[in-house]
PDB file of N, CA and C in Angstrom:
ATOM      1  N   MET A   1     -23.649  -3.121 -20.932  1.00  0.00           N
ATOM      2  CA  MET A   1     -23.228  -2.018 -20.235  1.00  0.00           C
ATOM      3  C   MET A   1     -22.307  -2.263 -19.345  1.00  0.00           C
ATOM      4  N   ARG A   2     -21.672  -1.936 -18.620  1.00  0.00           N
ATOM      5  CA  ARG A   2     -20.991  -2.433 -17.233  1.00  0.00           C
ATOM      6  C   ARG A   2     -21.269  -2.341 -16.056  1.00  0.00           C
ATOM      7  N   PRO A   3     -21.821  -4.179 -15.346  1.00  0.00           N
ATOM      8  CA  PRO A   3     -22.731  -2.956 -14.547  1.00  0.00           C
ATOM      9  C   PRO A   3     -22.006  -2.543 -12.602  1.00  0.00           C
ATOM     10  N   HIS A   4     -22.448  -1.744 -11.946  1.00  0.00           N
ATOM     11  CA  HIS A   4     -22.420  -0.558 -10.725  1.00  0.00           C
ATOM     12  C   HIS A   4     -21.249  -1.631 -10.392  1.00  0.00           C
ATOM     13  N   ALA A   5     -20.299  -1.457  -9.277  1.00  0.00           N
ATOM     14  CA  ALA A   5     -19.520  -1.734  -8.215  1.00  0.00           C
ATOM     15  C   ALA A   5     -20.171  -2.034  -7.326  1.00  0.00           C
ATOM     16  N   THR A   6     -21.459  -1.707  -7.042  1.00  0.00           N
ATOM     17  CA  THR A   6     -21.968  -1.499  -5.475  1.00  0.00           C
ATOM     18  C   THR A   6     -23.428  -2.406  -6.073  1.00  0.00           C
ATOM     19  N   SER A   7     -23.749  -2.864  -7.335  1.00  0.00           N
ATOM     20  CA  SER A   7     -24.455  -3.783  -8.086  1.00  0.00           C
ATOM     21  C   SER A   7     -24.740  -4.860  -6.471  1.00  0.00           C
ATOM     22  N   GLY A   8     -26.352  -5.297  -6.351  1.00  0.00           N
ATOM     23  CA  GLY A   8     -26.785  -6.628  -5.135  1.00  0.00           C
ATOM     24  C   GLY A   8     -26.160  -6.123  -3.804  1.00  0.00           C
ATOM     25  N   VAL A   9     -24.807  -5.267  -3.482  1.00  0.00           N
ATOM     26  CA  VAL A   9     -24.391  -4.741  -2.499  1.00  0.00           C
ATOM     27  C   VAL A   9     -25.061  -3.909  -1.287  1.00  0.00           C
ATOM     28  N   SER A  10     -25.949  -4.562  -0.385  1.00  0.00           N
ATOM     29  CA  SER A  10     -26.364  -4.138   0.804  1.00  0.00           C
ATOM     30  C   SER A  10     -25.560  -4.147   2.574  1.00  0.00           C
ATOM     31  N   PRO A  11     -25.376  -3.205   1.695  1.00  0.00           N
ATOM     32  CA  PRO A  11     -24.438  -2.447   3.392  1.00  0.00           C
ATOM     33  C   PRO A  11     -25.541  -2.484   4.398  1.00  0.00           C
ATOM     34  N   SER A  12     -24.662  -3.372   5.636  1.00  0.00           N
ATOM     35  CA  SER A  12     -25.761  -3.327   7.042  1.00  0.00           C
ATOM     36  C   SER A  12     -25.183  -3.170   7.394  1.00  0.00           C
ATOM     37  N   ARG A  13     -25.638  -1.902   8.600  1.00  0.00           N
ATOM     38  CA  ARG A  13     -24.847  -1.359   9.734  1.00  0.00           C
ATOM     39  C   ARG A  13     -26.043  -1.365  11.307  1.00  0.00           C
ATOM     40  N   GLN A  14     -24.776  -1.331  12.137  1.00  0.00           N
ATOM     41  CA  GLN A  14     -24.313  -2.281  13.504  1.00  0.00           C
ATOM     42  C   GLN A  14     -25.104  -0.923  13.955  1.00  0.00           C
ATOM     43  N   LYS A  15     -26.064  -1.501  14.494  1.00  0.00           N
ATOM     44  CA  LYS A  15     -26.180   0.312  15.738  1.00  0.00           C
ATOM     45  C   LYS A  15     -26.179   0.247  16.976  1.00  0.00           C
ATOM     46  N   ILE A  16     -25.475   1.197  16.827  1.00  0.00           N
ATOM     47  CA  ILE A  16     -24.477   1.104  18.235  1.00  0.00           C
ATOM     48  C   ILE A  16     -24.877   2.246  19.674  1.00  0.00           C
ATOM     49  N   SER A  17     -25.504   1.925  20.397  1.00  0.00           N
ATOM     50  CA  SER A  17     -26.037   2.412  21.950  1.00  0.00           C
ATOM     51  C   SER A  17     -25.455   1.931  22.771  1.00  0.00           C
ATOM     52  N   THR A  18     -24.470   1.747  22.885  1.00  0.00           N
ATOM     53  CA  THR A  18     -23.516   2.110  24.198  1.00  0.00           C
ATOM     54  C   THR A  18     -22.030   1.389  23.615  1.00  0.00           C
ATOM     55  N   GLU A  19     -21.311   2.392  25.111  1.00  0.00           N
ATOM     56  CA  GLU A  19     -19.891   1.491  24.787  1.00  0.00           C
ATOM     57  C   GLU A  19     -18.766   0.471  24.696  1.00  0.00           C
ATOM     58  N   ALA A  20     -19.789  -0.195  24.904  1.00  0.00           N
ATOM     59  CA  ALA A  20     -19.350  -2.123  24.254  1.00  0.00           C
ATOM     60  C   ALA A  20     -18.815  -2.718  23.755  1.00  0.00           C
ATOM     61  N   ASP A  21     -20.635  -1.510  22.777  1.00  0.00           N
ATOM     62  CA  ASP A  21     -20.798  -1.315  21.406  1.00  0.00           C
ATOM     63  C   ASP A  21     -19.913  -0.847  20.140  1.00  0.00           C
ATOM     64  N   ALA A  22     -19.758  -0.013  20.622  1.00  0.00           N
ATOM     65  CA  ALA A  22     -18.900   1.024  20.292  1.00  0.00           C
ATOM     66  C   ALA A  22     -16.938  -0.009  20.365  1.00  0.00           C
ATOM     67  N   SER A  23     -16.928   0.167  20.985  1.00  0.00           N
ATOM     68  CA  SER A  23     -15.219  -0.556  21.272  1.00  0.00           C
ATOM     69  C   SER A  23     -15.731  -1.483  20.816  1.00  0.00           C
ATOM     70  N   ALA A  24     -16.152  -2.978  21.154  1.00  0.00           N
ATOM     71  CA  ALA A  24     -16.231  -4.326  19.421  1.00  0.00           C
ATOM     72  C   ALA A  24     -16.240  -3.791  18.130  1.00  0.00           C
ATOM     73  N   VAL A  25     -16.412  -3.041  17.438  1.00  0.00           N
ATOM     74  CA  VAL A  25     -16.786  -2.825  15.807  1.00  0.00           C
ATOM     75  C   VAL A  25     -15.125  -2.158  16.585  1.00  0.00           C
ATOM     76  N   LEU A  26     -14.510  -1.375  17.335  1.00  0.00           N
ATOM     77  CA  LEU A  26     -13.359  -0.496  16.913  1.00  0.00           C
ATOM     78  C   LEU A  26     -12.166  -1.452  17.194  1.00  0.00           C
ATOM     79  N   GLN A  27     -11.815  -2.868  18.113  1.00  0.00           N
ATOM     80  CA  GLN A  27     -11.422  -3.878  18.212  1.00  0.00           C
ATOM     81  C   GLN A  27     -11.419  -4.619  16.929  1.00  0.00           C
ATOM     82  N   ARG A  28     -12.134  -4.692  15.814  1.00  0.00           N
ATOM     83  CA  ARG A  28     -12.439  -5.890  14.625  1.00  0.00           C
ATOM     84  C   ARG A  28     -12.271  -4.796  13.532  1.00  0.00           C
ATOM     85  N   ASN A  29     -12.151  -3.511  13.831  1.00  0.00           N
ATOM     86  CA  ASN A  29     -11.310  -2.783  12.878  1.00  0.00           C
ATOM     87  C   ASN A  29     -10.361  -2.355  12.474  1.00  0.00           C
ATOM     88  N   GLY A  30      -9.267  -3.495  12.115  1.00  0.00           N
ATOM     89  CA  GLY A  30      -7.953  -3.164  13.065  1.00  0.00           C
ATOM     90  C   GLY A  30      -7.017  -2.402  11.831  1.00  0.00           C
ATOM     91  N   ILE A  31      -5.702  -1.661  11.995  1.00  0.00           N
ATOM     92  CA  ILE A  31      -5.419  -1.176  10.890  1.00  0.00           C
ATOM     93  C   ILE A  31      -4.853  -2.447  10.595  1.00  0.00           C
ATOM     94  N   CYS A  32      -4.243  -1.863   8.925  1.00  0.00           N
ATOM     95  CA  CYS A  32      -3.806  -2.606   8.061  1.00  0.00           C
ATOM     96  C   CYS A  32      -2.295  -1.856   8.175  1.00  0.00           C
ATOM     97  N   THR A  33      -1.508  -3.232   7.823  1.00  0.00           N
ATOM     98  CA  THR A  33       0.642  -2.946   7.388  1.00  0.00           C
ATOM     99  C   THR A  33       0.487  -3.120   5.774  1.00  0.00           C
ATOM    100  N   PRO A  34       1.381  -1.547   5.934  1.00  0.00           N
ATOM    101  CA  PRO A  34       1.958  -2.073   4.098  1.00  0.00           C
ATOM    102  C   PRO A  34       1.675  -3.593   3.338  1.00  0.00           C
ATOM    103  N   ASP A  35       2.515  -4.414   3.980  1.00  0.00           N
ATOM    104  CA  ASP A  35       2.829  -5.986   3.471  1.00  0.00           C
ATOM    105  C   ASP A  35       0.927  -6.529   3.664  1.00  0.00           C
ATOM    106  N   GLU A  36       0.202  -6.238   4.514  1.00  0.00           N
ATOM    107  CA  GLU A  36      -1.102  -6.959   4.428  1.00  0.00           C
ATOM    108  C   GLU A  36      -1.545  -6.325   3.769  1.00  0.00           C
ATOM    109  N   ILE A  37      -2.227  -4.647   3.135  1.00  0.00           N
ATOM    110  CA  ILE A  37      -2.867  -4.289   2.213  1.00  0.00           C
ATOM    111  C   ILE A  37      -1.681  -5.020   0.490  1.00  0.00           C
ATOM    112  N   ARG A  38      -0.934  -4.795   0.397  1.00  0.00           N
ATOM    113  CA  ARG A  38       0.508  -5.192  -0.364  1.00  0.00           C
ATOM    114  C   ARG A  38      -0.522  -6.932  -0.562  1.00  0.00           C
ATOM    115  N   LYS A  39      -0.758  -7.566   0.383  1.00  0.00           N
ATOM    116  CA  LYS A  39      -1.166  -9.068   0.249  1.00  0.00           C
ATOM    117  C   LYS A  39      -2.645  -9.035  -0.563  1.00  0.00           C
ATOM    118  N   ILE A  40      -3.388  -8.266  -0.113  1.00  0.00           N
ATOM    119  CA  ILE A  40      -5.190  -8.205   0.120  1.00  0.00           C
ATOM    120  C   ILE A  40      -5.002  -7.916  -1.667  1.00  0.00           C
ATOM    121  N   LEU A  41      -4.271  -6.739  -1.526  1.00  0.00           N
ATOM    122  CA  LEU A  41      -4.781  -6.403  -3.000  1.00  0.00           C
ATOM    123  C   LEU A  41      -4.580  -7.633  -4.079  1.00  0.00           C
ATOM    124  N   ALA A  42      -2.953  -7.689  -3.593  1.00  0.00           N
ATOM    125  CA  ALA A  42      -2.799  -9.339  -5.244  1.00  0.00           C
ATOM    126  C   ALA A  42      -3.728 -10.677  -5.166  1.00  0.00           C
ATOM    127  N   ALA A  43      -4.808 -10.846  -4.081  1.00  0.00           N
ATOM    128  CA  ALA A  43      -5.338 -11.662  -3.697  1.00  0.00           C
ATOM    129  C   ALA A  43      -6.891 -11.140  -4.606  1.00  0.00           C
ATOM    130  N   THR A  44      -6.859  -9.907  -4.742  1.00  0.00           N
ATOM    131  CA  THR A  44      -8.703  -8.897  -4.785  1.00  0.00           C
ATOM    132  C   THR A  44      -8.823  -9.201  -6.757  1.00  0.00           C
ATOM    133  N   SER A  45     -10.246  -9.728  -7.036  1.00  0.00           N
ATOM    134  CA  SER A  45     -11.053  -9.155  -8.229  1.00  0.00           C
ATOM    135  C   SER A  45     -10.245  -8.231  -8.692  1.00  0.00           C
ATOM    136  N   SER A  46      -9.700  -8.200  -9.797  1.00  0.00           N
ATOM    137  CA  SER A  46      -9.621  -6.156 -10.702  1.00  0.00           C
ATOM    138  C   SER A  46     -11.131  -5.727 -10.837  1.00  0.00           C
ATOM    139  N   THR A  47     -12.036  -5.840  -9.921  1.00  0.00           N
ATOM    140  CA  THR A  47     -13.546  -5.314 -10.155  1.00  0.00           C
ATOM    141  C   THR A  47     -13.545  -4.663  -8.458  1.00  0.00           C
ATOM    142  N   LEU A  48     -13.053  -5.576  -7.684  1.00  0.00           N
ATOM    143  CA  LEU A  48     -13.489  -4.874  -6.423  1.00  0.00           C
ATOM    144  C   LEU A  48     -11.959  -3.666  -5.494  1.00  0.00           C
ATOM    145  N   ARG A  49     -11.029  -4.845  -6.606  1.00  0.00           N
ATOM    146  CA  ARG A  49      -9.301  -3.909  -6.604  1.00  0.00           C
ATOM    147  C   ARG A  49      -9.301  -2.170  -6.174  1.00  0.00           C
ATOM    148  N   LEU A  50      -9.725  -1.519  -7.414  1.00  0.00           N
ATOM    149  CA  LEU A  50     -10.135   0.637  -7.396  1.00  0.00           C
ATOM    150  C   LEU A  50     -10.615   0.734  -5.746  1.00  0.00           C
ATOM    151  N   THR A  51     -12.357   0.325  -5.705  1.00  0.00           N
ATOM    152  CA  THR A  51     -12.095   0.104  -4.289  1.00  0.00           C
ATOM    153  C   THR A  51     -11.130   0.373  -3.284  1.00  0.00           C
ATOM    154  N   LEU A  52     -10.701  -1.003  -3.194  1.00  0.00           N
ATOM    155  CA  LEU A  52      -9.515  -1.331  -2.031  1.00  0.00           C
ATOM    156  C   LEU A  52      -8.847  -0.538  -1.560  1.00  0.00           C
ATOM    157  N   GLU A  53      -7.912  -0.074  -3.118  1.00  0.00           N
ATOM    158  CA  GLU A  53      -7.433   1.593  -3.248  1.00  0.00           C
ATOM    159  C   GLU A  53      -7.430   2.302  -2.324  1.00  0.00           C
ATOM    160  N   ILE A  54      -9.083   2.667  -3.265  1.00  0.00           N
ATOM    161  CA  ILE A  54      -9.096   4.335  -2.584  1.00  0.00           C
ATOM    162  C   ILE A  54      -8.792   4.249  -1.321  1.00  0.00           C
ATOM    163  N   LYS A  55      -9.752   2.788  -0.809  1.00  0.00           N
ATOM    164  CA  LYS A  55     -10.698   2.896   0.513  1.00  0.00           C
ATOM    165  C   LYS A  55      -9.176   2.949   1.489  1.00  0.00           C
ATOM    166  N   ALA A  56      -7.775   2.183   1.132  1.00  0.00           N
ATOM    167  CA  ALA A  56      -7.097   1.813   1.985  1.00  0.00           C
ATOM    168  C   ALA A  56      -5.851   3.832   1.224  1.00  0.00           C
ATOM    169  N   PHE A  57      -5.723   4.317   0.849  1.00  0.00           N
ATOM    170  CA  PHE A  57      -5.100   5.176   0.428  1.00  0.00           C
ATOM    171  C   PHE A  57      -5.688   6.792   0.733  1.00  0.00           C
ATOM    172  N   SER A  58      -6.938   7.031   0.837  1.00  0.00           N
ATOM    173  CA  SER A  58      -7.520   8.206   1.132  1.00  0.00           C
ATOM    174  C   SER A  58      -8.215   8.134   2.056  1.00  0.00           C
ATOM    175  N   GLY A  59      -8.672   7.079   3.123  1.00  0.00           N
ATOM    176  CA  GLY A  59      -9.779   7.710   4.353  1.00  0.00           C
ATOM    177  C   GLY A  59     -10.958   7.961   4.148  1.00  0.00           C
ATOM    178  N   VAL A  60     -11.486   7.949   2.393  1.00  0.00           N
ATOM    179  CA  VAL A  60     -12.915   7.988   2.290  1.00  0.00           C
ATOM    180  C   VAL A  60     -13.700   6.310   2.966  1.00  0.00           C
ATOM    181  N   ARG A  61     -14.635   7.106   3.891  1.00  0.00           N
ATOM    182  CA  ARG A  61     -15.254   6.095   4.487  1.00  0.00           C
ATOM    183  C   ARG A  61     -15.506   5.795   3.968  1.00  0.00           C
ATOM    184  N   THR A  62     -16.192   4.016   3.831  1.00  0.00           N
ATOM    185  CA  THR A  62     -17.672   2.792   3.981  1.00  0.00           C
ATOM    186  C   THR A  62     -18.715   3.885   3.096  1.00  0.00           C
ATOM    187  N   GLU A  63     -19.264   4.512   3.704  1.00  0.00           N
ATOM    188  CA  GLU A  63     -19.338   5.101   3.232  1.00  0.00           C
ATOM    189  C   GLU A  63     -20.324   5.631   1.911  1.00  0.00           C
ATOM    190  N   GLU A  64     -19.651   6.554   2.583  1.00  0.00           N
ATOM    191  CA  GLU A  64     -18.960   7.140   0.755  1.00  0.00           C
ATOM    192  C   GLU A  64     -18.565   6.592  -0.747  1.00  0.00           C
ATOM    193  N   ILE A  65     -17.476   5.274  -0.780  1.00  0.00           N
ATOM    194  CA  ILE A  65     -17.691   3.721  -1.704  1.00  0.00           C
ATOM    195  C   ILE A  65     -18.971   3.715  -2.219  1.00  0.00           C
ATOM    196  N   VAL A  66     -19.214   3.029  -0.982  1.00  0.00           N
ATOM    197  CA  VAL A  66     -20.720   3.102  -1.709  1.00  0.00           C
ATOM    198  C   VAL A  66     -21.508   3.259  -2.695  1.00  0.00           C
ATOM    199  N   ARG A  67     -21.645   4.741  -2.523  1.00  0.00           N
ATOM    200  CA  ARG A  67     -22.418   6.050  -3.024  1.00  0.00           C
ATOM    201  C   ARG A  67     -21.198   6.270  -4.568  1.00  0.00           C
ATOM    202  N   LEU A  68     -20.297   5.853  -4.587  1.00  0.00           N
ATOM    203  CA  LEU A  68     -20.189   6.206  -5.868  1.00  0.00           C
ATOM    204  C   LEU A  68     -20.202   5.349  -7.093  1.00  0.00           C
ATOM    205  N   GLY A  69     -20.476   6.507  -8.326  1.00  0.00           N
ATOM    206  CA  GLY A  69     -20.850   5.936  -9.358  1.00  0.00           C
ATOM    207  C   GLY A  69     -19.713   6.174 -10.936  1.00  0.00           C
ATOM    208  N   TRP A  70     -19.597   5.276 -11.261  1.00  0.00           N
ATOM    209  CA  TRP A  70     -18.167   4.452 -12.038  1.00  0.00           C
ATOM    210  C   TRP A  70     -19.119   4.983 -13.156  1.00  0.00           C
ATOM    211  N   VAL A  71     -18.032   5.341 -13.850  1.00  0.00           N
ATOM    212  CA  VAL A  71     -18.050   6.154 -15.586  1.00  0.00           C
ATOM    213  C   VAL A  71     -17.151   5.790 -16.314  1.00  0.00           C
ATOM    214  N   THR A  72     -17.348   4.458 -17.084  1.00  0.00           N
ATOM    215  CA  THR A  72     -16.421   3.898 -17.979  1.00  0.00           C
ATOM    216  C   THR A  72     -16.720   4.262 -19.174  1.00  0.00           C
TER     217      THR A  72
END
């Protein structure tokens, strides 16, 4: 049986309690251009690629991706 895509992943969540905290998170999480996404996907293992493709092209939140169950 293959391991679950999120095996060993422990998402850390930053507590946002001020406007400055929220602004810092927004500045860290930029939007990628199509060329940047192409480069990222080309350099990614096949195990992680599907997760990144879903995130990049569907707008699914990271929290939702972490909870996906893969059936093969």
